[in-house]
Amino acid sequence: MRLVPLTPDYPLTDFDCGDDDLNKFLLNDAKPAQELRIANTFILEAADGRIAAYFCLLNDKISKDEVIGSRWKKIRSSFPRDKQFRSYPSVKIGRFAVSMDFRGN
């Protein structure tokens, strides 16, 4: 298996993970999202070229306004005092799907 970034000319083949929304995202929305720089998609290819899985990464942030209760103090305390801010950059897994043919492997 090999991990490859999705490119505009990548030939997307049939993919079925058992979830229509995730299937449709890969086949219809992943390339436009990449072109608009919303999310970067990566494909895990099997040796025979089939898509075994895919995932998308996107930029995000962890903000004090979005953290519940005292968890913010715990997050903030892991940073040096002069690096304690109201938000921190992060990378989020936007989508993650494994083909039905490769589940359990």
PDB file of N, CA and C in Angstrom:
ATOM      1  N   MET A   1       0.842  -1.176   0.000  1.00  0.00           N
ATOM      2  CA  MET A   1       0.000   0.000   0.000  1.00  0.00           C
ATOM      3  C   MET A   1       0.888   1.240   0.000  1.00  0.00           C
ATOM      4  N   ARG A   2       0.322   2.296  -0.569  1.00  0.00           N
ATOM      5  CA  ARG A   2       1.050   3.567  -0.562  1.00  0.00           C
ATOM      6  C   ARG A   2       0.080   4.713  -0.339  1.00  0.00           C
ATOM      7  N   LEU A   3       0.566   5.750   0.317  1.00  0.00           N
ATOM      8  CA  LEU A   3      -0.220   6.935   0.607  1.00  0.00           C
ATOM      9  C   LEU A   3       0.147   8.010  -0.404  1.00  0.00           C
ATOM     10  N   VAL A   4      -0.864   8.539  -1.112  1.00  0.00           N
ATOM     11  CA  VAL A   4      -0.614   9.560  -2.128  1.00  0.00           C
ATOM     12  C   VAL A   4      -1.571  10.728  -1.935  1.00  0.00           C
ATOM     13  N   PRO A   5      -1.107  11.938  -2.197  1.00  0.00           N
ATOM     14  CA  PRO A   5      -2.015  13.089  -2.124  1.00  0.00           C
ATOM     15  C   PRO A   5      -2.949  13.083  -3.333  1.00  0.00           C
ATOM     16  N   LEU A   6      -4.164  13.511  -3.129  1.00  0.00           N
ATOM     17  CA  LEU A   6      -5.110  13.654  -4.228  1.00  0.00           C
ATOM     18  C   LEU A   6      -4.641  14.805  -5.109  1.00  0.00           C
ATOM     19  N   THR A   7      -4.620  14.576  -6.406  1.00  0.00           N
ATOM     20  CA  THR A   7      -4.254  15.606  -7.372  1.00  0.00           C
ATOM     21  C   THR A   7      -5.424  15.808  -8.326  1.00  0.00           C
ATOM     22  N   PRO A   8      -5.437  16.924  -9.066  1.00  0.00           N
ATOM     23  CA  PRO A   8      -6.544  17.168  -9.999  1.00  0.00           C
ATOM     24  C   PRO A   8      -6.716  16.069 -11.043  1.00  0.00           C
ATOM     25  N   ASP A   9      -5.626  15.412 -11.412  1.00  0.00           N
ATOM     26  CA  ASP A   9      -5.716  14.374 -12.439  1.00  0.00           C
ATOM     27  C   ASP A   9      -5.783  12.954 -11.862  1.00  0.00           C
ATOM     28  N   TYR A  10      -5.897  12.824 -10.543  1.00  0.00           N
ATOM     29  CA  TYR A  10      -5.983  11.491  -9.930  1.00  0.00           C
ATOM     30  C   TYR A  10      -7.274  10.821 -10.381  1.00  0.00           C
ATOM     31  N   PRO A  11      -7.182   9.600 -10.915  1.00  0.00           N
ATOM     32  CA  PRO A  11      -8.397   8.913 -11.396  1.00  0.00           C
ATOM     33  C   PRO A  11      -9.190   8.296 -10.238  1.00  0.00           C
ATOM     34  N   LEU A  12     -10.226   8.976  -9.813  1.00  0.00           N
ATOM     35  CA  LEU A  12     -11.060   8.444  -8.733  1.00  0.00           C
ATOM     36  C   LEU A  12     -11.932   7.338  -9.293  1.00  0.00           C
ATOM     37  N   THR A  13     -11.804   6.162  -8.693  1.00  0.00           N
ATOM     38  CA  THR A  13     -12.578   5.003  -9.116  1.00  0.00           C
ATOM     39  C   THR A  13     -13.706   4.775  -8.128  1.00  0.00           C
ATOM     40  N   ASP A  14     -14.478   3.768  -8.370  1.00  0.00           N
ATOM     41  CA  ASP A  14     -15.552   3.430  -7.437  1.00  0.00           C
ATOM     42  C   ASP A  14     -14.972   3.232  -6.041  1.00  0.00           C
ATOM     43  N   PHE A  15     -15.686   3.760  -5.070  1.00  0.00           N
ATOM     44  CA  PHE A  15     -15.273   3.640  -3.680  1.00  0.00           C
ATOM     45  C   PHE A  15     -16.526   3.452  -2.865  1.00  0.00           C
ATOM     46  N   ASP A  16     -16.522   2.441  -1.989  1.00  0.00           N
ATOM     47  CA  ASP A  16     -17.684   2.211  -1.127  1.00  0.00           C
ATOM     48  C   ASP A  16     -17.208   1.856   0.268  1.00  0.00           C
ATOM     49  N   CYS A  17     -17.494   2.760   1.192  1.00  0.00           N
ATOM     50  CA  CYS A  17     -17.136   2.527   2.590  1.00  0.00           C
ATOM     51  C   CYS A  17     -18.372   2.165   3.410  1.00  0.00           C
ATOM     52  N   GLY A  18     -19.529   2.127   2.740  1.00  0.00           N
ATOM     53  CA  GLY A  18     -20.767   1.827   3.444  1.00  0.00           C
ATOM     54  C   GLY A  18     -21.511   3.059   3.917  1.00  0.00           C
ATOM     55  N   ASP A  19     -20.952   4.243   3.674  1.00  0.00           N
ATOM     56  CA  ASP A  19     -21.585   5.502   4.069  1.00  0.00           C
ATOM     57  C   ASP A  19     -21.695   6.385   2.824  1.00  0.00           C
ATOM     58  N   ASP A  20     -22.920   6.632   2.370  1.00  0.00           N
ATOM     59  CA  ASP A  20     -23.127   7.393   1.136  1.00  0.00           C
ATOM     60  C   ASP A  20     -22.502   8.779   1.179  1.00  0.00           C
ATOM     61  N   ASP A  21     -22.575   9.474   2.309  1.00  0.00           N
ATOM     62  CA  ASP A  21     -22.000  10.813   2.410  1.00  0.00           C
ATOM     63  C   ASP A  21     -20.483  10.790   2.205  1.00  0.00           C
ATOM     64  N   LEU A  22     -19.816   9.834   2.822  1.00  0.00           N
ATOM     65  CA  LEU A  22     -18.363   9.733   2.668  1.00  0.00           C
ATOM     66  C   LEU A  22     -17.976   9.306   1.254  1.00  0.00           C
ATOM     67  N   ASN A  23     -18.750   8.402   0.667  1.00  0.00           N
ATOM     68  CA  ASN A  23     -18.498   7.993  -0.716  1.00  0.00           C
ATOM     69  C   ASN A  23     -18.633   9.185  -1.658  1.00  0.00           C
ATOM     70  N   LYS A  24     -19.724   9.931  -1.505  1.00  0.00           N
ATOM     71  CA  LYS A  24     -19.993  11.067  -2.381  1.00  0.00           C
ATOM     72  C   LYS A  24     -18.952  12.173  -2.192  1.00  0.00           C
ATOM     73  N   PHE A  25     -18.487  12.369  -0.949  1.00  0.00           N
ATOM     74  CA  PHE A  25     -17.467  13.391  -0.738  1.00  0.00           C
ATOM     75  C   PHE A  25     -16.233  13.090  -1.582  1.00  0.00           C
ATOM     76  N   LEU A  26     -15.757  11.854  -1.514  1.00  0.00           N
ATOM     77  CA  LEU A  26     -14.551  11.508  -2.258  1.00  0.00           C
ATOM     78  C   LEU A  26     -14.766  11.686  -3.760  1.00  0.00           C
ATOM     79  N   LEU A  27     -15.858  11.168  -4.269  1.00  0.00           N
ATOM     80  CA  LEU A  27     -16.081  11.171  -5.713  1.00  0.00           C
ATOM     81  C   LEU A  27     -16.501  12.526  -6.266  1.00  0.00           C
ATOM     82  N   ASN A  28     -17.184  13.358  -5.472  1.00  0.00           N
ATOM     83  CA  ASN A  28     -17.732  14.613  -5.992  1.00  0.00           C
ATOM     84  C   ASN A  28     -17.141  15.887  -5.388  1.00  0.00           C
ATOM     85  N   ASP A  29     -16.704  15.828  -4.136  1.00  0.00           N
ATOM     86  CA  ASP A  29     -16.343  17.056  -3.423  1.00  0.00           C
ATOM     87  C   ASP A  29     -14.867  17.197  -3.056  1.00  0.00           C
ATOM     88  N   ALA A  30     -14.119  16.104  -3.026  1.00  0.00           N
ATOM     89  CA  ALA A  30     -12.732  16.169  -2.556  1.00  0.00           C
ATOM     90  C   ALA A  30     -11.858  17.049  -3.447  1.00  0.00           C
ATOM     91  N   LYS A  31     -11.981  16.888  -4.758  1.00  0.00           N
ATOM     92  CA  LYS A  31     -11.155  17.705  -5.662  1.00  0.00           C
ATOM     93  C   LYS A  31     -11.536  19.181  -5.600  1.00  0.00           C
ATOM     94  N   PRO A  32     -12.827  19.544  -5.645  1.00  0.00           N
ATOM     95  CA  PRO A  32     -13.171  20.968  -5.489  1.00  0.00           C
ATOM     96  C   PRO A  32     -12.716  21.548  -4.141  1.00  0.00           C
ATOM     97  N   ALA A  33     -12.825  20.787  -3.068  1.00  0.00           N
ATOM     98  CA  ALA A  33     -12.380  21.263  -1.754  1.00  0.00           C
ATOM     99  C   ALA A  33     -10.878  21.507  -1.761  1.00  0.00           C
ATOM    100  N   GLN A  34     -10.155  20.647  -2.456  1.00  0.00           N
ATOM    101  CA  GLN A  34      -8.715  20.810  -2.546  1.00  0.00           C
ATOM    102  C   GLN A  34      -8.377  22.040  -3.396  1.00  0.00           C
ATOM    103  N   GLU A  35      -9.083  22.207  -4.499  1.00  0.00           N
ATOM    104  CA  GLU A  35      -8.841  23.348  -5.379  1.00  0.00           C
ATOM    105  C   GLU A  35      -9.105  24.672  -4.661  1.00  0.00           C
ATOM    106  N   LEU A  36     -10.130  24.685  -3.808  1.00  0.00           N
ATOM    107  CA  LEU A  36     -10.458  25.883  -3.031  1.00  0.00           C
ATOM    108  C   LEU A  36      -9.604  26.014  -1.768  1.00  0.00           C
ATOM    109  N   ARG A  37      -8.722  25.060  -1.548  1.00  0.00           N
ATOM    110  CA  ARG A  37      -7.825  25.034  -0.384  1.00  0.00           C
ATOM    111  C   ARG A  37      -8.575  24.950   0.943  1.00  0.00           C
ATOM    112  N   ILE A  38      -9.687  24.218   0.903  1.00  0.00           N
ATOM    113  CA  ILE A  38     -10.465  23.989   2.115  1.00  0.00           C
ATOM    114  C   ILE A  38      -9.919  22.779   2.868  1.00  0.00           C
ATOM    115  N   ALA A  39      -9.573  21.725   2.116  1.00  0.00           N
ATOM    116  CA  ALA A  39      -9.076  20.492   2.726  1.00  0.00           C
ATOM    117  C   ALA A  39      -8.134  19.789   1.768  1.00  0.00           C
ATOM    118  N   ASN A  40      -7.135  19.115   2.316  1.00  0.00           N
ATOM    119  CA  ASN A  40      -6.228  18.283   1.528  1.00  0.00           C
ATOM    120  C   ASN A  40      -6.587  16.830   1.751  1.00  0.00           C
ATOM    121  N   THR A  41      -6.816  16.110   0.666  1.00  0.00           N
ATOM    122  CA  THR A  41      -7.216  14.716   0.745  1.00  0.00           C
ATOM    123  C   THR A  41      -6.032  13.823   0.393  1.00  0.00           C
ATOM    124  N   PHE A  42      -5.914  12.728   1.128  1.00  0.00           N
ATOM    125  CA  PHE A  42      -4.869  11.742   0.889  1.00  0.00           C
ATOM    126  C   PHE A  42      -5.521  10.387   0.666  1.00  0.00           C
ATOM    127  N   ILE A  43      -4.988   9.644  -0.292  1.00  0.00           N
ATOM    128  CA  ILE A  43      -5.533   8.346  -0.691  1.00  0.00           C
ATOM    129  C   ILE A  43      -4.562   7.253  -0.274  1.00  0.00           C
ATOM    130  N   LEU A  44      -5.094   6.192   0.333  1.00  0.00           N
ATOM    131  CA  LEU A  44      -4.302   4.998   0.604  1.00  0.00           C
ATOM    132  C   LEU A  44      -4.635   4.003  -0.493  1.00  0.00           C
ATOM    133  N   GLU A  45      -3.660   3.729  -1.356  1.00  0.00           N
ATOM    134  CA  GLU A  45      -3.861   2.835  -2.490  1.00  0.00           C
ATOM    135  C   GLU A  45      -3.370   1.439  -2.158  1.00  0.00           C
ATOM    136  N   ALA A  46      -4.146   0.447  -2.556  1.00  0.00           N
ATOM    137  CA  ALA A  46      -3.716  -0.943  -2.443  1.00  0.00           C
ATOM    138  C   ALA A  46      -2.733  -1.231  -3.582  1.00  0.00           C
ATOM    139  N   ALA A  47      -2.041  -2.354  -3.500  1.00  0.00           N
ATOM    140  CA  ALA A  47      -1.056  -2.727  -4.522  1.00  0.00           C
ATOM    141  C   ALA A  47      -1.682  -2.831  -5.912  1.00  0.00           C
ATOM    142  N   ASP A  48      -2.961  -3.177  -5.968  1.00  0.00           N
ATOM    143  CA  ASP A  48      -3.630  -3.312  -7.272  1.00  0.00           C
ATOM    144  C   ASP A  48      -4.226  -1.989  -7.774  1.00  0.00           C
ATOM    145  N   GLY A  49      -3.980  -0.888  -7.048  1.00  0.00           N
ATOM    146  CA  GLY A  49      -4.449   0.427  -7.481  1.00  0.00           C
ATOM    147  C   GLY A  49      -5.804   0.840  -6.935  1.00  0.00           C
ATOM    148  N   ARG A  50      -6.514  -0.076  -6.284  1.00  0.00           N
ATOM    149  CA  ARG A  50      -7.816   0.287  -5.707  1.00  0.00           C
ATOM    150  C   ARG A  50      -7.621   1.216  -4.521  1.00  0.00           C
ATOM    151  N   ILE A  51      -8.622   2.044  -4.274  1.00  0.00           N
ATOM    152  CA  ILE A  51      -8.589   2.941  -3.120  1.00  0.00           C
ATOM    153  C   ILE A  51      -9.013   2.156  -1.885  1.00  0.00           C
ATOM    154  N   ALA A  52      -8.086   1.999  -0.965  1.00  0.00           N
ATOM    155  CA  ALA A  52      -8.372   1.258   0.268  1.00  0.00           C
ATOM    156  C   ALA A  52      -8.987   2.172   1.317  1.00  0.00           C
ATOM    157  N   ALA A  53      -8.556   3.427   1.327  1.00  0.00           N
ATOM    158  CA  ALA A  53      -9.047   4.388   2.317  1.00  0.00           C
ATOM    159  C   ALA A  53      -8.664   5.790   1.869  1.00  0.00           C
ATOM    160  N   TYR A  54      -9.275   6.774   2.521  1.00  0.00           N
ATOM    161  CA  TYR A  54      -8.873   8.154   2.303  1.00  0.00           C
ATOM    162  C   TYR A  54      -9.137   8.949   3.568  1.00  0.00           C
ATOM    163  N   PHE A  55      -8.447  10.066   3.667  1.00  0.00           N
ATOM    164  CA  PHE A  55      -8.712  11.008   4.757  1.00  0.00           C
ATOM    165  C   PHE A  55      -8.419  12.415   4.268  1.00  0.00           C
ATOM    166  N   CYS A  56      -9.042  13.395   4.920  1.00  0.00           N
ATOM    167  CA  CYS A  56      -8.844  14.807   4.593  1.00  0.00           C
ATOM    168  C   CYS A  56      -8.319  15.520   5.825  1.00  0.00           C
ATOM    169  N   LEU A  57      -7.397  16.419   5.591  1.00  0.00           N
ATOM    170  CA  LEU A  57      -6.875  17.264   6.656  1.00  0.00           C
ATOM    171  C   LEU A  57      -7.207  18.710   6.336  1.00  0.00           C
ATOM    172  N   LEU A  58      -7.563  19.466   7.364  1.00  0.00           N
ATOM    173  CA  LEU A  58      -7.834  20.879   7.169  1.00  0.00           C
ATOM    174  C   LEU A  58      -7.363  21.668   8.372  1.00  0.00           C
ATOM    175  N   ASN A  59      -7.066  22.929   8.128  1.00  0.00           N
ATOM    176  CA  ASN A  59      -6.633  23.807   9.203  1.00  0.00           C
ATOM    177  C   ASN A  59      -7.830  24.212  10.050  1.00  0.00           C
ATOM    178  N   ASP A  60      -7.574  24.372  11.317  1.00  0.00           N
ATOM    179  CA  ASP A  60      -8.622  24.773  12.246  1.00  0.00           C
ATOM    180  C   ASP A  60      -7.957  25.489  13.406  1.00  0.00           C
ATOM    181  N   LYS A  61      -8.718  25.709  14.449  1.00  0.00           N
ATOM    182  CA  LYS A  61      -8.150  26.274  15.665  1.00  0.00           C
ATOM    183  C   LYS A  61      -8.902  25.728  16.873  1.00  0.00           C
ATOM    184  N   ILE A  62      -8.214  25.731  17.984  1.00  0.00           N
ATOM    185  CA  ILE A  62      -8.823  25.397  19.267  1.00  0.00           C
ATOM    186  C   ILE A  62      -8.955  26.724  19.991  1.00  0.00           C
ATOM    187  N   SER A  63     -10.183  27.095  20.287  1.00  0.00           N
ATOM    188  CA  SER A  63     -10.458  28.404  20.863  1.00  0.00           C
ATOM    189  C   SER A  63     -11.065  28.268  22.249  1.00  0.00           C
ATOM    190  N   LYS A  64     -10.725  29.196  23.102  1.00  0.00           N
ATOM    191  CA  LYS A  64     -11.272  29.209  24.458  1.00  0.00           C
ATOM    192  C   LYS A  64     -12.797  29.219  24.430  1.00  0.00           C
ATOM    193  N   ASP A  65     -13.374  29.929  23.469  1.00  0.00           N
ATOM    194  CA  ASP A  65     -14.831  30.039  23.376  1.00  0.00           C
ATOM    195  C   ASP A  65     -15.513  28.719  23.028  1.00  0.00           C
ATOM    196  N   GLU A  66     -14.746  27.764  22.493  1.00  0.00           N
ATOM    197  CA  GLU A  66     -15.317  26.490  22.052  1.00  0.00           C
ATOM    198  C   GLU A  66     -15.033  25.329  23.001  1.00  0.00           C
ATOM    199  N   VAL A  67     -14.262  25.581  24.041  1.00  0.00           N
ATOM    200  CA  VAL A  67     -13.894  24.526  24.986  1.00  0.00           C
ATOM    201  C   VAL A  67     -14.790  24.625  26.213  1.00  0.00           C
ATOM    202  N   ILE A  68     -15.289  23.489  26.642  1.00  0.00           N
ATOM    203  CA  ILE A  68     -16.246  23.440  27.749  1.00  0.00           C
ATOM    204  C   ILE A  68     -15.525  23.410  29.102  1.00  0.00           C
ATOM    205  N   GLY A  69     -15.991  24.238  30.008  1.00  0.00           N
ATOM    206  CA  GLY A  69     -15.571  24.211  31.407  1.00  0.00           C
ATOM    207  C   GLY A  69     -14.090  24.396  31.649  1.00  0.00           C
ATOM    208  N   SER A  70     -13.571  23.591  32.552  1.00  0.00           N
ATOM    209  CA  SER A  70     -12.184  23.750  33.008  1.00  0.00           C
ATOM    210  C   SER A  70     -11.170  23.117  32.062  1.00  0.00           C
ATOM    211  N   ARG A  71     -11.599  22.535  30.983  1.00  0.00           N
ATOM    212  CA  ARG A  71     -10.653  21.918  30.043  1.00  0.00           C
ATOM    213  C   ARG A  71      -9.690  22.949  29.452  1.00  0.00           C
ATOM    214  N   TRP A  72     -10.169  24.186  29.293  1.00  0.00           N
ATOM    215  CA  TRP A  72      -9.294  25.215  28.725  1.00  0.00           C
ATOM    216  C   TRP A  72      -8.062  25.441  29.599  1.00  0.00           C
ATOM    217  N   LYS A  73      -8.237  25.431  30.927  1.00  0.00           N
ATOM    218  CA  LYS A  73      -7.102  25.611  31.831  1.00  0.00           C
ATOM    219  C   LYS A  73      -6.074  24.499  31.620  1.00  0.00           C
ATOM    220  N   LYS A  74      -6.544  23.290  31.406  1.00  0.00           N
ATOM    221  CA  LYS A  74      -5.642  22.160  31.187  1.00  0.00           C
ATOM    222  C   LYS A  74      -4.890  22.331  29.871  1.00  0.00           C
ATOM    223  N   ILE A  75      -5.580  22.735  28.820  1.00  0.00           N
ATOM    224  CA  ILE A  75      -4.937  22.963  27.521  1.00  0.00           C
ATOM    225  C   ILE A  75      -3.905  24.072  27.650  1.00  0.00           C
ATOM    226  N   ARG A  76      -4.323  25.169  28.210  1.00  0.00           N
ATOM    227  CA  ARG A  76      -3.468  26.351  28.321  1.00  0.00           C
ATOM    228  C   ARG A  76      -2.242  26.096  29.190  1.00  0.00           C
ATOM    229  N   SER A  77      -2.406  25.310  30.225  1.00  0.00           N
ATOM    230  CA  SER A  77      -1.281  25.061  31.137  1.00  0.00           C
ATOM    231  C   SER A  77      -0.163  24.246  30.485  1.00  0.00           C
ATOM    232  N   SER A  78      -0.437  23.596  29.371  1.00  0.00           N
ATOM    233  CA  SER A  78       0.607  22.822  28.699  1.00  0.00           C
ATOM    234  C   SER A  78       1.541  23.710  27.872  1.00  0.00           C
ATOM    235  N   PHE A  79       1.222  25.007  27.786  1.00  0.00           N
ATOM    236  CA  PHE A  79       2.058  25.958  27.062  1.00  0.00           C
ATOM    237  C   PHE A  79       2.799  26.856  28.049  1.00  0.00           C
ATOM    238  N   PRO A  80       3.996  27.321  27.670  1.00  0.00           N
ATOM    239  CA  PRO A  80       4.707  28.271  28.540  1.00  0.00           C
ATOM    240  C   PRO A  80       3.863  29.532  28.758  1.00  0.00           C
ATOM    241  N   ARG A  81       4.078  30.185  29.860  1.00  0.00           N
ATOM    242  CA  ARG A  81       3.256  31.347  30.235  1.00  0.00           C
ATOM    243  C   ARG A  81       3.202  32.422  29.142  1.00  0.00           C
ATOM    244  N   ASP A  82       4.318  32.666  28.475  1.00  0.00           N
ATOM    245  CA  ASP A  82       4.334  33.703  27.440  1.00  0.00           C
ATOM    246  C   ASP A  82       3.732  33.234  26.111  1.00  0.00           C
ATOM    247  N   LYS A  83       3.292  31.987  26.049  1.00  0.00           N
ATOM    248  CA  LYS A  83       2.644  31.442  24.851  1.00  0.00           C
ATOM    249  C   LYS A  83       1.191  31.044  25.111  1.00  0.00           C
ATOM    250  N   GLN A  84       0.602  31.586  26.158  1.00  0.00           N
ATOM    251  CA  GLN A  84      -0.782  31.271  26.485  1.00  0.00           C
ATOM    252  C   GLN A  84      -1.699  32.297  25.822  1.00  0.00           C
ATOM    253  N   PHE A  85      -2.476  31.815  24.841  1.00  0.00           N
ATOM    254  CA  PHE A  85      -3.348  32.676  24.045  1.00  0.00           C
ATOM    255  C   PHE A  85      -4.795  32.235  24.170  1.00  0.00           C
ATOM    256  N   ARG A  86      -5.707  32.962  23.528  1.00  0.00           N
ATOM    257  CA  ARG A  86      -7.138  32.617  23.539  1.00  0.00           C
ATOM    258  C   ARG A  86      -7.476  31.535  22.512  1.00  0.00           C
ATOM    259  N   SER A  87      -6.547  31.272  21.570  1.00  0.00           N
ATOM    260  CA  SER A  87      -6.752  30.200  20.604  1.00  0.00           C
ATOM    261  C   SER A  87      -5.393  29.694  20.126  1.00  0.00           C
ATOM    262  N   TYR A  88      -5.397  28.454  19.609  1.00  0.00           N
ATOM    263  CA  TYR A  88      -4.190  27.814  19.111  1.00  0.00           C
ATOM    264  C   TYR A  88      -4.506  27.155  17.774  1.00  0.00           C
ATOM    265  N   PRO A  89      -3.565  27.220  16.826  1.00  0.00           N
ATOM    266  CA  PRO A  89      -3.808  26.570  15.538  1.00  0.00           C
ATOM    267  C   PRO A  89      -3.842  25.049  15.704  1.00  0.00           C
ATOM    268  N   SER A  90      -4.585  24.399  14.824  1.00  0.00           N
ATOM    269  CA  SER A  90      -4.658  22.941  14.861  1.00  0.00           C
ATOM    270  C   SER A  90      -4.906  22.406  13.455  1.00  0.00           C
ATOM    271  N   VAL A  91      -4.751  21.113  13.318  1.00  0.00           N
ATOM    272  CA  VAL A  91      -5.081  20.405  12.084  1.00  0.00           C
ATOM    273  C   VAL A  91      -6.170  19.408  12.445  1.00  0.00           C
ATOM    274  N   LYS A  92      -7.206  19.374  11.626  1.00  0.00           N
ATOM    275  CA  LYS A  92      -8.355  18.517  11.909  1.00  0.00           C
ATOM    276  C   LYS A  92      -8.496  17.458  10.819  1.00  0.00           C
ATOM    277  N   ILE A  93      -8.879  16.262  11.222  1.00  0.00           N
ATOM    278  CA  ILE A  93      -9.252  15.235  10.251  1.00  0.00           C
ATOM    279  C   ILE A  93     -10.704  15.506   9.891  1.00  0.00           C
ATOM    280  N   GLY A  94     -10.931  15.936   8.658  1.00  0.00           N
ATOM    281  CA  GLY A  94     -12.276  16.306   8.227  1.00  0.00           C
ATOM    282  C   GLY A  94     -13.108  15.112   7.806  1.00  0.00           C
ATOM    283  N   ARG A  95     -12.506  14.196   7.102  1.00  0.00           N
ATOM    284  CA  ARG A  95     -13.179  12.982   6.647  1.00  0.00           C
ATOM    285  C   ARG A  95     -12.184  11.835   6.772  1.00  0.00           C
ATOM    286  N   PHE A  96     -12.700  10.639   7.056  1.00  0.00           N
ATOM    287  CA  PHE A  96     -11.875   9.435   7.140  1.00  0.00           C
ATOM    288  C   PHE A  96     -12.759   8.263   6.772  1.00  0.00           C
ATOM    289  N   ALA A  97     -12.367   7.487   5.771  1.00  0.00           N
ATOM    290  CA  ALA A  97     -13.196   6.357   5.350  1.00  0.00           C
ATOM    291  C   ALA A  97     -12.322   5.212   4.863  1.00  0.00           C
ATOM    292  N   VAL A  98     -12.767   3.998   5.163  1.00  0.00           N
ATOM    293  CA  VAL A  98     -12.082   2.779   4.731  1.00  0.00           C
ATOM    294  C   VAL A  98     -13.052   1.991   3.863  1.00  0.00           C
ATOM    295  N   SER A  99     -12.566   1.567   2.701  1.00  0.00           N
ATOM    296  CA  SER A  99     -13.380   0.781   1.778  1.00  0.00           C
ATOM    297  C   SER A  99     -13.869  -0.500   2.452  1.00  0.00           C
ATOM    298  N   MET A 100     -15.077  -0.904   2.116  1.00  0.00           N
ATOM    299  CA  MET A 100     -15.638  -2.145   2.661  1.00  0.00           C
ATOM    300  C   MET A 100     -14.724  -3.338   2.338  1.00  0.00           C
ATOM    301  N   ASP A 101     -14.048  -3.295   1.196  1.00  0.00           N
ATOM    302  CA  ASP A 101     -13.163  -4.392   0.777  1.00  0.00           C
ATOM    303  C   ASP A 101     -11.930  -4.517   1.654  1.00  0.00           C
ATOM    304  N   PHE A 102     -11.593  -3.473   2.416  1.00  0.00           N
ATOM    305  CA  PHE A 102     -10.362  -3.492   3.187  1.00  0.00           C
ATOM    306  C   PHE A 102     -10.587  -3.400   4.690  1.00  0.00           C
ATOM    307  N   ARG A 103     -11.812  -3.449   5.122  1.00  0.00           N
ATOM    308  CA  ARG A 103     -12.090  -3.385   6.566  1.00  0.00           C
ATOM    309  C   ARG A 103     -11.493  -4.611   7.254  1.00  0.00           C
ATOM    310  N   GLY A 104     -10.926  -4.367   8.414  1.00  0.00           N
ATOM    311  CA  GLY A 104     -10.360  -5.452   9.202  1.00  0.00           C
ATOM    312  C   GLY A 104      -8.941  -5.824   8.806  1.00  0.00           C
ATOM    313  N   ASN A 105      -8.392  -5.150   7.808  1.00  0.00           N
ATOM    314  CA  ASN A 105      -7.009  -5.443   7.389  1.00  0.00           C
ATOM    315  C   ASN A 105      -6.051  -4.488   8.064  1.00  0.00           C
TER     316      ASN A 105
END
